[in-house]
Amino acid sequence: GGRMETALAAAGGELVRLPMQSKN
């Protein structure tokens, strides 16, 4: 997630919040 979450929601998208940035 991040500051563009609002734009995603406005586009009709659905956020699945997971630590996708991790390299662990």
PDBML (XML) file of the C-alpha atoms, coordinates in Angstrom:
<?xml version="1.0" encoding="UTF-8" ?>
<PDBx:datablock datablockName="MODEL"
   xmlns:PDBx="http://pdbml.pdb.org/schema/pdbx-v50.xsd"
   xmlns:xsi="http://www.w3.org/2001/XMLSchema-instance"
   xsi:schemaLocation="http://pdbml.pdb.org/schema/pdbx-v50.xsd pdbx-v50.xsd">
   <PDBx:atom_siteCategory>
      <PDBx:atom_site id="1">
         <PDBx:B_iso_or_equiv>0.00</PDBx:B_iso_or_equiv>
         <PDBx:Cartn_x>0.000</PDBx:Cartn_x>
         <PDBx:Cartn_y>0.000</PDBx:Cartn_y>
         <PDBx:Cartn_z>0.000</PDBx:Cartn_z>
         <PDBx:auth_asym_id>A</PDBx:auth_asym_id>
         <PDBx:auth_atom_id>CA</PDBx:auth_atom_id>
         <PDBx:auth_comp_id>GLY</PDBx:auth_comp_id>
         <PDBx:auth_seq_id>1</PDBx:auth_seq_id>
         <PDBx:group_PDB>ATOM</PDBx:group_PDB>
         <PDBx:label_alt_id xsi:nil="true" />
         <PDBx:label_asym_id>A</PDBx:label_asym_id>
         <PDBx:label_atom_id>CA</PDBx:label_atom_id>
         <PDBx:label_comp_id>GLY</PDBx:label_comp_id>
         <PDBx:label_entity_id>1</PDBx:label_entity_id>
         <PDBx:label_seq_id>1</PDBx:label_seq_id>
         <PDBx:occupancy>1.00</PDBx:occupancy>
         <PDBx:pdbx_PDB_model_num>1</PDBx:pdbx_PDB_model_num>
         <PDBx:type_symbol>C</PDBx:type_symbol>
      </PDBx:atom_site>
      <PDBx:atom_site id="2">
         <PDBx:B_iso_or_equiv>0.00</PDBx:B_iso_or_equiv>
         <PDBx:Cartn_x>0.886</PDBx:Cartn_x>
         <PDBx:Cartn_y>3.681</PDBx:Cartn_y>
         <PDBx:Cartn_z>0.148</PDBx:Cartn_z>
         <PDBx:auth_asym_id>A</PDBx:auth_asym_id>
         <PDBx:auth_atom_id>CA</PDBx:auth_atom_id>
         <PDBx:auth_comp_id>GLY</PDBx:auth_comp_id>
         <PDBx:auth_seq_id>2</PDBx:auth_seq_id>
         <PDBx:group_PDB>ATOM</PDBx:group_PDB>
         <PDBx:label_alt_id xsi:nil="true" />
         <PDBx:label_asym_id>A</PDBx:label_asym_id>
         <PDBx:label_atom_id>CA</PDBx:label_atom_id>
         <PDBx:label_comp_id>GLY</PDBx:label_comp_id>
         <PDBx:label_entity_id>1</PDBx:label_entity_id>
         <PDBx:label_seq_id>2</PDBx:label_seq_id>
         <PDBx:occupancy>1.00</PDBx:occupancy>
         <PDBx:pdbx_PDB_model_num>1</PDBx:pdbx_PDB_model_num>
         <PDBx:type_symbol>C</PDBx:type_symbol>
      </PDBx:atom_site>
      <PDBx:atom_site id="3">
         <PDBx:B_iso_or_equiv>0.00</PDBx:B_iso_or_equiv>
         <PDBx:Cartn_x>-0.295</PDBx:Cartn_x>
         <PDBx:Cartn_y>7.141</PDBx:Cartn_y>
         <PDBx:Cartn_z>-0.773</PDBx:Cartn_z>
         <PDBx:auth_asym_id>A</PDBx:auth_asym_id>
         <PDBx:auth_atom_id>CA</PDBx:auth_atom_id>
         <PDBx:auth_comp_id>ARG</PDBx:auth_comp_id>
         <PDBx:auth_seq_id>3</PDBx:auth_seq_id>
         <PDBx:group_PDB>ATOM</PDBx:group_PDB>
         <PDBx:label_alt_id xsi:nil="true" />
         <PDBx:label_asym_id>A</PDBx:label_asym_id>
         <PDBx:label_atom_id>CA</PDBx:label_atom_id>
         <PDBx:label_comp_id>ARG</PDBx:label_comp_id>
         <PDBx:label_entity_id>1</PDBx:label_entity_id>
         <PDBx:label_seq_id>3</PDBx:label_seq_id>
         <PDBx:occupancy>1.00</PDBx:occupancy>
         <PDBx:pdbx_PDB_model_num>1</PDBx:pdbx_PDB_model_num>
         <PDBx:type_symbol>C</PDBx:type_symbol>
      </PDBx:atom_site>
      <PDBx:atom_site id="4">
         <PDBx:B_iso_or_equiv>0.00</PDBx:B_iso_or_equiv>
         <PDBx:Cartn_x>-1.876</PDBx:Cartn_x>
         <PDBx:Cartn_y>5.902</PDBx:Cartn_y>
         <PDBx:Cartn_z>-4.033</PDBx:Cartn_z>
         <PDBx:auth_asym_id>A</PDBx:auth_asym_id>
         <PDBx:auth_atom_id>CA</PDBx:auth_atom_id>
         <PDBx:auth_comp_id>MET</PDBx:auth_comp_id>
         <PDBx:auth_seq_id>4</PDBx:auth_seq_id>
         <PDBx:group_PDB>ATOM</PDBx:group_PDB>
         <PDBx:label_alt_id xsi:nil="true" />
         <PDBx:label_asym_id>A</PDBx:label_asym_id>
         <PDBx:label_atom_id>CA</PDBx:label_atom_id>
         <PDBx:label_comp_id>MET</PDBx:label_comp_id>
         <PDBx:label_entity_id>1</PDBx:label_entity_id>
         <PDBx:label_seq_id>4</PDBx:label_seq_id>
         <PDBx:occupancy>1.00</PDBx:occupancy>
         <PDBx:pdbx_PDB_model_num>1</PDBx:pdbx_PDB_model_num>
         <PDBx:type_symbol>C</PDBx:type_symbol>
      </PDBx:atom_site>
      <PDBx:atom_site id="5">
         <PDBx:B_iso_or_equiv>0.00</PDBx:B_iso_or_equiv>
         <PDBx:Cartn_x>-4.366</PDBx:Cartn_x>
         <PDBx:Cartn_y>3.661</PDBx:Cartn_y>
         <PDBx:Cartn_z>-2.218</PDBx:Cartn_z>
         <PDBx:auth_asym_id>A</PDBx:auth_asym_id>
         <PDBx:auth_atom_id>CA</PDBx:auth_atom_id>
         <PDBx:auth_comp_id>GLU</PDBx:auth_comp_id>
         <PDBx:auth_seq_id>5</PDBx:auth_seq_id>
         <PDBx:group_PDB>ATOM</PDBx:group_PDB>
         <PDBx:label_alt_id xsi:nil="true" />
         <PDBx:label_asym_id>A</PDBx:label_asym_id>
         <PDBx:label_atom_id>CA</PDBx:label_atom_id>
         <PDBx:label_comp_id>GLU</PDBx:label_comp_id>
         <PDBx:label_entity_id>1</PDBx:label_entity_id>
         <PDBx:label_seq_id>5</PDBx:label_seq_id>
         <PDBx:occupancy>1.00</PDBx:occupancy>
         <PDBx:pdbx_PDB_model_num>1</PDBx:pdbx_PDB_model_num>
         <PDBx:type_symbol>C</PDBx:type_symbol>
      </PDBx:atom_site>
      <PDBx:atom_site id="6">
         <PDBx:B_iso_or_equiv>0.00</PDBx:B_iso_or_equiv>
         <PDBx:Cartn_x>-7.052</PDBx:Cartn_x>
         <PDBx:Cartn_y>6.335</PDBx:Cartn_y>
         <PDBx:Cartn_z>-2.611</PDBx:Cartn_z>
         <PDBx:auth_asym_id>A</PDBx:auth_asym_id>
         <PDBx:auth_atom_id>CA</PDBx:auth_atom_id>
         <PDBx:auth_comp_id>THR</PDBx:auth_comp_id>
         <PDBx:auth_seq_id>6</PDBx:auth_seq_id>
         <PDBx:group_PDB>ATOM</PDBx:group_PDB>
         <PDBx:label_alt_id xsi:nil="true" />
         <PDBx:label_asym_id>A</PDBx:label_asym_id>
         <PDBx:label_atom_id>CA</PDBx:label_atom_id>
         <PDBx:label_comp_id>THR</PDBx:label_comp_id>
         <PDBx:label_entity_id>1</PDBx:label_entity_id>
         <PDBx:label_seq_id>6</PDBx:label_seq_id>
         <PDBx:occupancy>1.00</PDBx:occupancy>
         <PDBx:pdbx_PDB_model_num>1</PDBx:pdbx_PDB_model_num>
         <PDBx:type_symbol>C</PDBx:type_symbol>
      </PDBx:atom_site>
      <PDBx:atom_site id="7">
         <PDBx:B_iso_or_equiv>0.00</PDBx:B_iso_or_equiv>
         <PDBx:Cartn_x>-6.484</PDBx:Cartn_x>
         <PDBx:Cartn_y>6.453</PDBx:Cartn_y>
         <PDBx:Cartn_z>-6.361</PDBx:Cartn_z>
         <PDBx:auth_asym_id>A</PDBx:auth_asym_id>
         <PDBx:auth_atom_id>CA</PDBx:auth_atom_id>
         <PDBx:auth_comp_id>ALA</PDBx:auth_comp_id>
         <PDBx:auth_seq_id>7</PDBx:auth_seq_id>
         <PDBx:group_PDB>ATOM</PDBx:group_PDB>
         <PDBx:label_alt_id xsi:nil="true" />
         <PDBx:label_asym_id>A</PDBx:label_asym_id>
         <PDBx:label_atom_id>CA</PDBx:label_atom_id>
         <PDBx:label_comp_id>ALA</PDBx:label_comp_id>
         <PDBx:label_entity_id>1</PDBx:label_entity_id>
         <PDBx:label_seq_id>7</PDBx:label_seq_id>
         <PDBx:occupancy>1.00</PDBx:occupancy>
         <PDBx:pdbx_PDB_model_num>1</PDBx:pdbx_PDB_model_num>
         <PDBx:type_symbol>C</PDBx:type_symbol>
      </PDBx:atom_site>
      <PDBx:atom_site id="8">
         <PDBx:B_iso_or_equiv>0.00</PDBx:B_iso_or_equiv>
         <PDBx:Cartn_x>-6.733</PDBx:Cartn_x>
         <PDBx:Cartn_y>2.665</PDBx:Cartn_y>
         <PDBx:Cartn_z>-6.543</PDBx:Cartn_z>
         <PDBx:auth_asym_id>A</PDBx:auth_asym_id>
         <PDBx:auth_atom_id>CA</PDBx:auth_atom_id>
         <PDBx:auth_comp_id>LEU</PDBx:auth_comp_id>
         <PDBx:auth_seq_id>8</PDBx:auth_seq_id>
         <PDBx:group_PDB>ATOM</PDBx:group_PDB>
         <PDBx:label_alt_id xsi:nil="true" />
         <PDBx:label_asym_id>A</PDBx:label_asym_id>
         <PDBx:label_atom_id>CA</PDBx:label_atom_id>
         <PDBx:label_comp_id>LEU</PDBx:label_comp_id>
         <PDBx:label_entity_id>1</PDBx:label_entity_id>
         <PDBx:label_seq_id>8</PDBx:label_seq_id>
         <PDBx:occupancy>1.00</PDBx:occupancy>
         <PDBx:pdbx_PDB_model_num>1</PDBx:pdbx_PDB_model_num>
         <PDBx:type_symbol>C</PDBx:type_symbol>
      </PDBx:atom_site>
      <PDBx:atom_site id="9">
         <PDBx:B_iso_or_equiv>0.00</PDBx:B_iso_or_equiv>
         <PDBx:Cartn_x>-10.047</PDBx:Cartn_x>
         <PDBx:Cartn_y>2.723</PDBx:Cartn_y>
         <PDBx:Cartn_z>-4.694</PDBx:Cartn_z>
         <PDBx:auth_asym_id>A</PDBx:auth_asym_id>
         <PDBx:auth_atom_id>CA</PDBx:auth_atom_id>
         <PDBx:auth_comp_id>ALA</PDBx:auth_comp_id>
         <PDBx:auth_seq_id>9</PDBx:auth_seq_id>
         <PDBx:group_PDB>ATOM</PDBx:group_PDB>
         <PDBx:label_alt_id xsi:nil="true" />
         <PDBx:label_asym_id>A</PDBx:label_asym_id>
         <PDBx:label_atom_id>CA</PDBx:label_atom_id>
         <PDBx:label_comp_id>ALA</PDBx:label_comp_id>
         <PDBx:label_entity_id>1</PDBx:label_entity_id>
         <PDBx:label_seq_id>9</PDBx:label_seq_id>
         <PDBx:occupancy>1.00</PDBx:occupancy>
         <PDBx:pdbx_PDB_model_num>1</PDBx:pdbx_PDB_model_num>
         <PDBx:type_symbol>C</PDBx:type_symbol>
      </PDBx:atom_site>
      <PDBx:atom_site id="10">
         <PDBx:B_iso_or_equiv>0.00</PDBx:B_iso_or_equiv>
         <PDBx:Cartn_x>-11.348</PDBx:Cartn_x>
         <PDBx:Cartn_y>5.483</PDBx:Cartn_y>
         <PDBx:Cartn_z>-6.969</PDBx:Cartn_z>
         <PDBx:auth_asym_id>A</PDBx:auth_asym_id>
         <PDBx:auth_atom_id>CA</PDBx:auth_atom_id>
         <PDBx:auth_comp_id>ALA</PDBx:auth_comp_id>
         <PDBx:auth_seq_id>10</PDBx:auth_seq_id>
         <PDBx:group_PDB>ATOM</PDBx:group_PDB>
         <PDBx:label_alt_id xsi:nil="true" />
         <PDBx:label_asym_id>A</PDBx:label_asym_id>
         <PDBx:label_atom_id>CA</PDBx:label_atom_id>
         <PDBx:label_comp_id>ALA</PDBx:label_comp_id>
         <PDBx:label_entity_id>1</PDBx:label_entity_id>
         <PDBx:label_seq_id>10</PDBx:label_seq_id>
         <PDBx:occupancy>1.00</PDBx:occupancy>
         <PDBx:pdbx_PDB_model_num>1</PDBx:pdbx_PDB_model_num>
         <PDBx:type_symbol>C</PDBx:type_symbol>
      </PDBx:atom_site>
      <PDBx:atom_site id="11">
         <PDBx:B_iso_or_equiv>0.00</PDBx:B_iso_or_equiv>
         <PDBx:Cartn_x>-10.470</PDBx:Cartn_x>
         <PDBx:Cartn_y>3.297</PDBx:Cartn_y>
         <PDBx:Cartn_z>-9.958</PDBx:Cartn_z>
         <PDBx:auth_asym_id>A</PDBx:auth_asym_id>
         <PDBx:auth_atom_id>CA</PDBx:auth_atom_id>
         <PDBx:auth_comp_id>ALA</PDBx:auth_comp_id>
         <PDBx:auth_seq_id>11</PDBx:auth_seq_id>
         <PDBx:group_PDB>ATOM</PDBx:group_PDB>
         <PDBx:label_alt_id xsi:nil="true" />
         <PDBx:label_asym_id>A</PDBx:label_asym_id>
         <PDBx:label_atom_id>CA</PDBx:label_atom_id>
         <PDBx:label_comp_id>ALA</PDBx:label_comp_id>
         <PDBx:label_entity_id>1</PDBx:label_entity_id>
         <PDBx:label_seq_id>11</PDBx:label_seq_id>
         <PDBx:occupancy>1.00</PDBx:occupancy>
         <PDBx:pdbx_PDB_model_num>1</PDBx:pdbx_PDB_model_num>
         <PDBx:type_symbol>C</PDBx:type_symbol>
      </PDBx:atom_site>
      <PDBx:atom_site id="12">
         <PDBx:B_iso_or_equiv>0.00</PDBx:B_iso_or_equiv>
         <PDBx:Cartn_x>-12.541</PDBx:Cartn_x>
         <PDBx:Cartn_y>0.470</PDBx:Cartn_y>
         <PDBx:Cartn_z>-8.491</PDBx:Cartn_z>
         <PDBx:auth_asym_id>A</PDBx:auth_asym_id>
         <PDBx:auth_atom_id>CA</PDBx:auth_atom_id>
         <PDBx:auth_comp_id>GLY</PDBx:auth_comp_id>
         <PDBx:auth_seq_id>12</PDBx:auth_seq_id>
         <PDBx:group_PDB>ATOM</PDBx:group_PDB>
         <PDBx:label_alt_id xsi:nil="true" />
         <PDBx:label_asym_id>A</PDBx:label_asym_id>
         <PDBx:label_atom_id>CA</PDBx:label_atom_id>
         <PDBx:label_comp_id>GLY</PDBx:label_comp_id>
         <PDBx:label_entity_id>1</PDBx:label_entity_id>
         <PDBx:label_seq_id>12</PDBx:label_seq_id>
         <PDBx:occupancy>1.00</PDBx:occupancy>
         <PDBx:pdbx_PDB_model_num>1</PDBx:pdbx_PDB_model_num>
         <PDBx:type_symbol>C</PDBx:type_symbol>
      </PDBx:atom_site>
      <PDBx:atom_site id="13">
         <PDBx:B_iso_or_equiv>0.00</PDBx:B_iso_or_equiv>
         <PDBx:Cartn_x>-9.535</PDBx:Cartn_x>
         <PDBx:Cartn_y>-1.614</PDBx:Cartn_y>
         <PDBx:Cartn_z>-7.500</PDBx:Cartn_z>
         <PDBx:auth_asym_id>A</PDBx:auth_asym_id>
         <PDBx:auth_atom_id>CA</PDBx:auth_atom_id>
         <PDBx:auth_comp_id>GLY</PDBx:auth_comp_id>
         <PDBx:auth_seq_id>13</PDBx:auth_seq_id>
         <PDBx:group_PDB>ATOM</PDBx:group_PDB>
         <PDBx:label_alt_id xsi:nil="true" />
         <PDBx:label_asym_id>A</PDBx:label_asym_id>
         <PDBx:label_atom_id>CA</PDBx:label_atom_id>
         <PDBx:label_comp_id>GLY</PDBx:label_comp_id>
         <PDBx:label_entity_id>1</PDBx:label_entity_id>
         <PDBx:label_seq_id>13</PDBx:label_seq_id>
         <PDBx:occupancy>1.00</PDBx:occupancy>
         <PDBx:pdbx_PDB_model_num>1</PDBx:pdbx_PDB_model_num>
         <PDBx:type_symbol>C</PDBx:type_symbol>
      </PDBx:atom_site>
      <PDBx:atom_site id="14">
         <PDBx:B_iso_or_equiv>0.00</PDBx:B_iso_or_equiv>
         <PDBx:Cartn_x>-9.331</PDBx:Cartn_x>
         <PDBx:Cartn_y>-3.613</PDBx:Cartn_y>
         <PDBx:Cartn_z>-4.280</PDBx:Cartn_z>
         <PDBx:auth_asym_id>A</PDBx:auth_asym_id>
         <PDBx:auth_atom_id>CA</PDBx:auth_atom_id>
         <PDBx:auth_comp_id>GLU</PDBx:auth_comp_id>
         <PDBx:auth_seq_id>14</PDBx:auth_seq_id>
         <PDBx:group_PDB>ATOM</PDBx:group_PDB>
         <PDBx:label_alt_id xsi:nil="true" />
         <PDBx:label_asym_id>A</PDBx:label_asym_id>
         <PDBx:label_atom_id>CA</PDBx:label_atom_id>
         <PDBx:label_comp_id>GLU</PDBx:label_comp_id>
         <PDBx:label_entity_id>1</PDBx:label_entity_id>
         <PDBx:label_seq_id>14</PDBx:label_seq_id>
         <PDBx:occupancy>1.00</PDBx:occupancy>
         <PDBx:pdbx_PDB_model_num>1</PDBx:pdbx_PDB_model_num>
         <PDBx:type_symbol>C</PDBx:type_symbol>
      </PDBx:atom_site>
      <PDBx:atom_site id="15">
         <PDBx:B_iso_or_equiv>0.00</PDBx:B_iso_or_equiv>
         <PDBx:Cartn_x>-6.186</PDBx:Cartn_x>
         <PDBx:Cartn_y>-3.588</PDBx:Cartn_y>
         <PDBx:Cartn_z>-2.149</PDBx:Cartn_z>
         <PDBx:auth_asym_id>A</PDBx:auth_asym_id>
         <PDBx:auth_atom_id>CA</PDBx:auth_atom_id>
         <PDBx:auth_comp_id>LEU</PDBx:auth_comp_id>
         <PDBx:auth_seq_id>15</PDBx:auth_seq_id>
         <PDBx:group_PDB>ATOM</PDBx:group_PDB>
         <PDBx:label_alt_id xsi:nil="true" />
         <PDBx:label_asym_id>A</PDBx:label_asym_id>
         <PDBx:label_atom_id>CA</PDBx:label_atom_id>
         <PDBx:label_comp_id>LEU</PDBx:label_comp_id>
         <PDBx:label_entity_id>1</PDBx:label_entity_id>
         <PDBx:label_seq_id>15</PDBx:label_seq_id>
         <PDBx:occupancy>1.00</PDBx:occupancy>
         <PDBx:pdbx_PDB_model_num>1</PDBx:pdbx_PDB_model_num>
         <PDBx:type_symbol>C</PDBx:type_symbol>
      </PDBx:atom_site>
      <PDBx:atom_site id="16">
         <PDBx:B_iso_or_equiv>0.00</PDBx:B_iso_or_equiv>
         <PDBx:Cartn_x>-4.922</PDBx:Cartn_x>
         <PDBx:Cartn_y>-6.864</PDBx:Cartn_y>
         <PDBx:Cartn_z>-0.709</PDBx:Cartn_z>
         <PDBx:auth_asym_id>A</PDBx:auth_asym_id>
         <PDBx:auth_atom_id>CA</PDBx:auth_atom_id>
         <PDBx:auth_comp_id>VAL</PDBx:auth_comp_id>
         <PDBx:auth_seq_id>16</PDBx:auth_seq_id>
         <PDBx:group_PDB>ATOM</PDBx:group_PDB>
         <PDBx:label_alt_id xsi:nil="true" />
         <PDBx:label_asym_id>A</PDBx:label_asym_id>
         <PDBx:label_atom_id>CA</PDBx:label_atom_id>
         <PDBx:label_comp_id>VAL</PDBx:label_comp_id>
         <PDBx:label_entity_id>1</PDBx:label_entity_id>
         <PDBx:label_seq_id>16</PDBx:label_seq_id>
         <PDBx:occupancy>1.00</PDBx:occupancy>
         <PDBx:pdbx_PDB_model_num>1</PDBx:pdbx_PDB_model_num>
         <PDBx:type_symbol>C</PDBx:type_symbol>
      </PDBx:atom_site>
      <PDBx:atom_site id="17">
         <PDBx:B_iso_or_equiv>0.00</PDBx:B_iso_or_equiv>
         <PDBx:Cartn_x>-2.522</PDBx:Cartn_x>
         <PDBx:Cartn_y>-5.592</PDBx:Cartn_y>
         <PDBx:Cartn_z>1.925</PDBx:Cartn_z>
         <PDBx:auth_asym_id>A</PDBx:auth_asym_id>
         <PDBx:auth_atom_id>CA</PDBx:auth_atom_id>
         <PDBx:auth_comp_id>ARG</PDBx:auth_comp_id>
         <PDBx:auth_seq_id>17</PDBx:auth_seq_id>
         <PDBx:group_PDB>ATOM</PDBx:group_PDB>
         <PDBx:label_alt_id xsi:nil="true" />
         <PDBx:label_asym_id>A</PDBx:label_asym_id>
         <PDBx:label_atom_id>CA</PDBx:label_atom_id>
         <PDBx:label_comp_id>ARG</PDBx:label_comp_id>
         <PDBx:label_entity_id>1</PDBx:label_entity_id>
         <PDBx:label_seq_id>17</PDBx:label_seq_id>
         <PDBx:occupancy>1.00</PDBx:occupancy>
         <PDBx:pdbx_PDB_model_num>1</PDBx:pdbx_PDB_model_num>
         <PDBx:type_symbol>C</PDBx:type_symbol>
      </PDBx:atom_site>
      <PDBx:atom_site id="18">
         <PDBx:B_iso_or_equiv>0.00</PDBx:B_iso_or_equiv>
         <PDBx:Cartn_x>0.485</PDBx:Cartn_x>
         <PDBx:Cartn_y>-7.878</PDBx:Cartn_y>
         <PDBx:Cartn_z>2.179</PDBx:Cartn_z>
         <PDBx:auth_asym_id>A</PDBx:auth_asym_id>
         <PDBx:auth_atom_id>CA</PDBx:auth_atom_id>
         <PDBx:auth_comp_id>LEU</PDBx:auth_comp_id>
         <PDBx:auth_seq_id>18</PDBx:auth_seq_id>
         <PDBx:group_PDB>ATOM</PDBx:group_PDB>
         <PDBx:label_alt_id xsi:nil="true" />
         <PDBx:label_asym_id>A</PDBx:label_asym_id>
         <PDBx:label_atom_id>CA</PDBx:label_atom_id>
         <PDBx:label_comp_id>LEU</PDBx:label_comp_id>
         <PDBx:label_entity_id>1</PDBx:label_entity_id>
         <PDBx:label_seq_id>18</PDBx:label_seq_id>
         <PDBx:occupancy>1.00</PDBx:occupancy>
         <PDBx:pdbx_PDB_model_num>1</PDBx:pdbx_PDB_model_num>
         <PDBx:type_symbol>C</PDBx:type_symbol>
      </PDBx:atom_site>
      <PDBx:atom_site id="19">
         <PDBx:B_iso_or_equiv>0.00</PDBx:B_iso_or_equiv>
         <PDBx:Cartn_x>4.253</PDBx:Cartn_x>
         <PDBx:Cartn_y>-7.271</PDBx:Cartn_y>
         <PDBx:Cartn_z>2.637</PDBx:Cartn_z>
         <PDBx:auth_asym_id>A</PDBx:auth_asym_id>
         <PDBx:auth_atom_id>CA</PDBx:auth_atom_id>
         <PDBx:auth_comp_id>PRO</PDBx:auth_comp_id>
         <PDBx:auth_seq_id>19</PDBx:auth_seq_id>
         <PDBx:group_PDB>ATOM</PDBx:group_PDB>
         <PDBx:label_alt_id xsi:nil="true" />
         <PDBx:label_asym_id>A</PDBx:label_asym_id>
         <PDBx:label_atom_id>CA</PDBx:label_atom_id>
         <PDBx:label_comp_id>PRO</PDBx:label_comp_id>
         <PDBx:label_entity_id>1</PDBx:label_entity_id>
         <PDBx:label_seq_id>19</PDBx:label_seq_id>
         <PDBx:occupancy>1.00</PDBx:occupancy>
         <PDBx:pdbx_PDB_model_num>1</PDBx:pdbx_PDB_model_num>
         <PDBx:type_symbol>C</PDBx:type_symbol>
      </PDBx:atom_site>
      <PDBx:atom_site id="20">
         <PDBx:B_iso_or_equiv>0.00</PDBx:B_iso_or_equiv>
         <PDBx:Cartn_x>4.940</PDBx:Cartn_x>
         <PDBx:Cartn_y>-7.634</PDBx:Cartn_y>
         <PDBx:Cartn_z>-1.084</PDBx:Cartn_z>
         <PDBx:auth_asym_id>A</PDBx:auth_asym_id>
         <PDBx:auth_atom_id>CA</PDBx:auth_atom_id>
         <PDBx:auth_comp_id>MET</PDBx:auth_comp_id>
         <PDBx:auth_seq_id>20</PDBx:auth_seq_id>
         <PDBx:group_PDB>ATOM</PDBx:group_PDB>
         <PDBx:label_alt_id xsi:nil="true" />
         <PDBx:label_asym_id>A</PDBx:label_asym_id>
         <PDBx:label_atom_id>CA</PDBx:label_atom_id>
         <PDBx:label_comp_id>MET</PDBx:label_comp_id>
         <PDBx:label_entity_id>1</PDBx:label_entity_id>
         <PDBx:label_seq_id>20</PDBx:label_seq_id>
         <PDBx:occupancy>1.00</PDBx:occupancy>
         <PDBx:pdbx_PDB_model_num>1</PDBx:pdbx_PDB_model_num>
         <PDBx:type_symbol>C</PDBx:type_symbol>
      </PDBx:atom_site>
      <PDBx:atom_site id="21">
         <PDBx:B_iso_or_equiv>0.00</PDBx:B_iso_or_equiv>
         <PDBx:Cartn_x>8.023</PDBx:Cartn_x>
         <PDBx:Cartn_y>-5.414</PDBx:Cartn_y>
         <PDBx:Cartn_z>-0.794</PDBx:Cartn_z>
         <PDBx:auth_asym_id>A</PDBx:auth_asym_id>
         <PDBx:auth_atom_id>CA</PDBx:auth_atom_id>
         <PDBx:auth_comp_id>GLN</PDBx:auth_comp_id>
         <PDBx:auth_seq_id>21</PDBx:auth_seq_id>
         <PDBx:group_PDB>ATOM</PDBx:group_PDB>
         <PDBx:label_alt_id xsi:nil="true" />
         <PDBx:label_asym_id>A</PDBx:label_asym_id>
         <PDBx:label_atom_id>CA</PDBx:label_atom_id>
         <PDBx:label_comp_id>GLN</PDBx:label_comp_id>
         <PDBx:label_entity_id>1</PDBx:label_entity_id>
         <PDBx:label_seq_id>21</PDBx:label_seq_id>
         <PDBx:occupancy>1.00</PDBx:occupancy>
         <PDBx:pdbx_PDB_model_num>1</PDBx:pdbx_PDB_model_num>
         <PDBx:type_symbol>C</PDBx:type_symbol>
      </PDBx:atom_site>
      <PDBx:atom_site id="22">
         <PDBx:B_iso_or_equiv>0.00</PDBx:B_iso_or_equiv>
         <PDBx:Cartn_x>9.881</PDBx:Cartn_x>
         <PDBx:Cartn_y>-7.884</PDBx:Cartn_y>
         <PDBx:Cartn_z>1.436</PDBx:Cartn_z>
         <PDBx:auth_asym_id>A</PDBx:auth_asym_id>
         <PDBx:auth_atom_id>CA</PDBx:auth_atom_id>
         <PDBx:auth_comp_id>SER</PDBx:auth_comp_id>
         <PDBx:auth_seq_id>22</PDBx:auth_seq_id>
         <PDBx:group_PDB>ATOM</PDBx:group_PDB>
         <PDBx:label_alt_id xsi:nil="true" />
         <PDBx:label_asym_id>A</PDBx:label_asym_id>
         <PDBx:label_atom_id>CA</PDBx:label_atom_id>
         <PDBx:label_comp_id>SER</PDBx:label_comp_id>
         <PDBx:label_entity_id>1</PDBx:label_entity_id>
         <PDBx:label_seq_id>22</PDBx:label_seq_id>
         <PDBx:occupancy>1.00</PDBx:occupancy>
         <PDBx:pdbx_PDB_model_num>1</PDBx:pdbx_PDB_model_num>
         <PDBx:type_symbol>C</PDBx:type_symbol>
      </PDBx:atom_site>
      <PDBx:atom_site id="23">
         <PDBx:B_iso_or_equiv>0.00</PDBx:B_iso_or_equiv>
         <PDBx:Cartn_x>12.933</PDBx:Cartn_x>
         <PDBx:Cartn_y>-9.785</PDBx:Cartn_y>
         <PDBx:Cartn_z>0.203</PDBx:Cartn_z>
         <PDBx:auth_asym_id>A</PDBx:auth_asym_id>
         <PDBx:auth_atom_id>CA</PDBx:auth_atom_id>
         <PDBx:auth_comp_id>LYS</PDBx:auth_comp_id>
         <PDBx:auth_seq_id>23</PDBx:auth_seq_id>
         <PDBx:group_PDB>ATOM</PDBx:group_PDB>
         <PDBx:label_alt_id xsi:nil="true" />
         <PDBx:label_asym_id>A</PDBx:label_asym_id>
         <PDBx:label_atom_id>CA</PDBx:label_atom_id>
         <PDBx:label_comp_id>LYS</PDBx:label_comp_id>
         <PDBx:label_entity_id>1</PDBx:label_entity_id>
         <PDBx:label_seq_id>23</PDBx:label_seq_id>
         <PDBx:occupancy>1.00</PDBx:occupancy>
         <PDBx:pdbx_PDB_model_num>1</PDBx:pdbx_PDB_model_num>
         <PDBx:type_symbol>C</PDBx:type_symbol>
      </PDBx:atom_site>
      <PDBx:atom_site id="24">
         <PDBx:B_iso_or_equiv>0.00</PDBx:B_iso_or_equiv>
         <PDBx:Cartn_x>13.120</PDBx:Cartn_x>
         <PDBx:Cartn_y>-11.914</PDBx:Cartn_y>
         <PDBx:Cartn_z>3.329</PDBx:Cartn_z>
         <PDBx:auth_asym_id>A</PDBx:auth_asym_id>
         <PDBx:auth_atom_id>CA</PDBx:auth_atom_id>
         <PDBx:auth_comp_id>ASN</PDBx:auth_comp_id>
         <PDBx:auth_seq_id>24</PDBx:auth_seq_id>
         <PDBx:group_PDB>ATOM</PDBx:group_PDB>
         <PDBx:label_alt_id xsi:nil="true" />
         <PDBx:label_asym_id>A</PDBx:label_asym_id>
         <PDBx:label_atom_id>CA</PDBx:label_atom_id>
         <PDBx:label_comp_id>ASN</PDBx:label_comp_id>
         <PDBx:label_entity_id>1</PDBx:label_entity_id>
         <PDBx:label_seq_id>24</PDBx:label_seq_id>
         <PDBx:occupancy>1.00</PDBx:occupancy>
         <PDBx:pdbx_PDB_model_num>1</PDBx:pdbx_PDB_model_num>
         <PDBx:type_symbol>C</PDBx:type_symbol>
      </PDBx:atom_site>
   </PDBx:atom_siteCategory>
</PDBx:datablock>
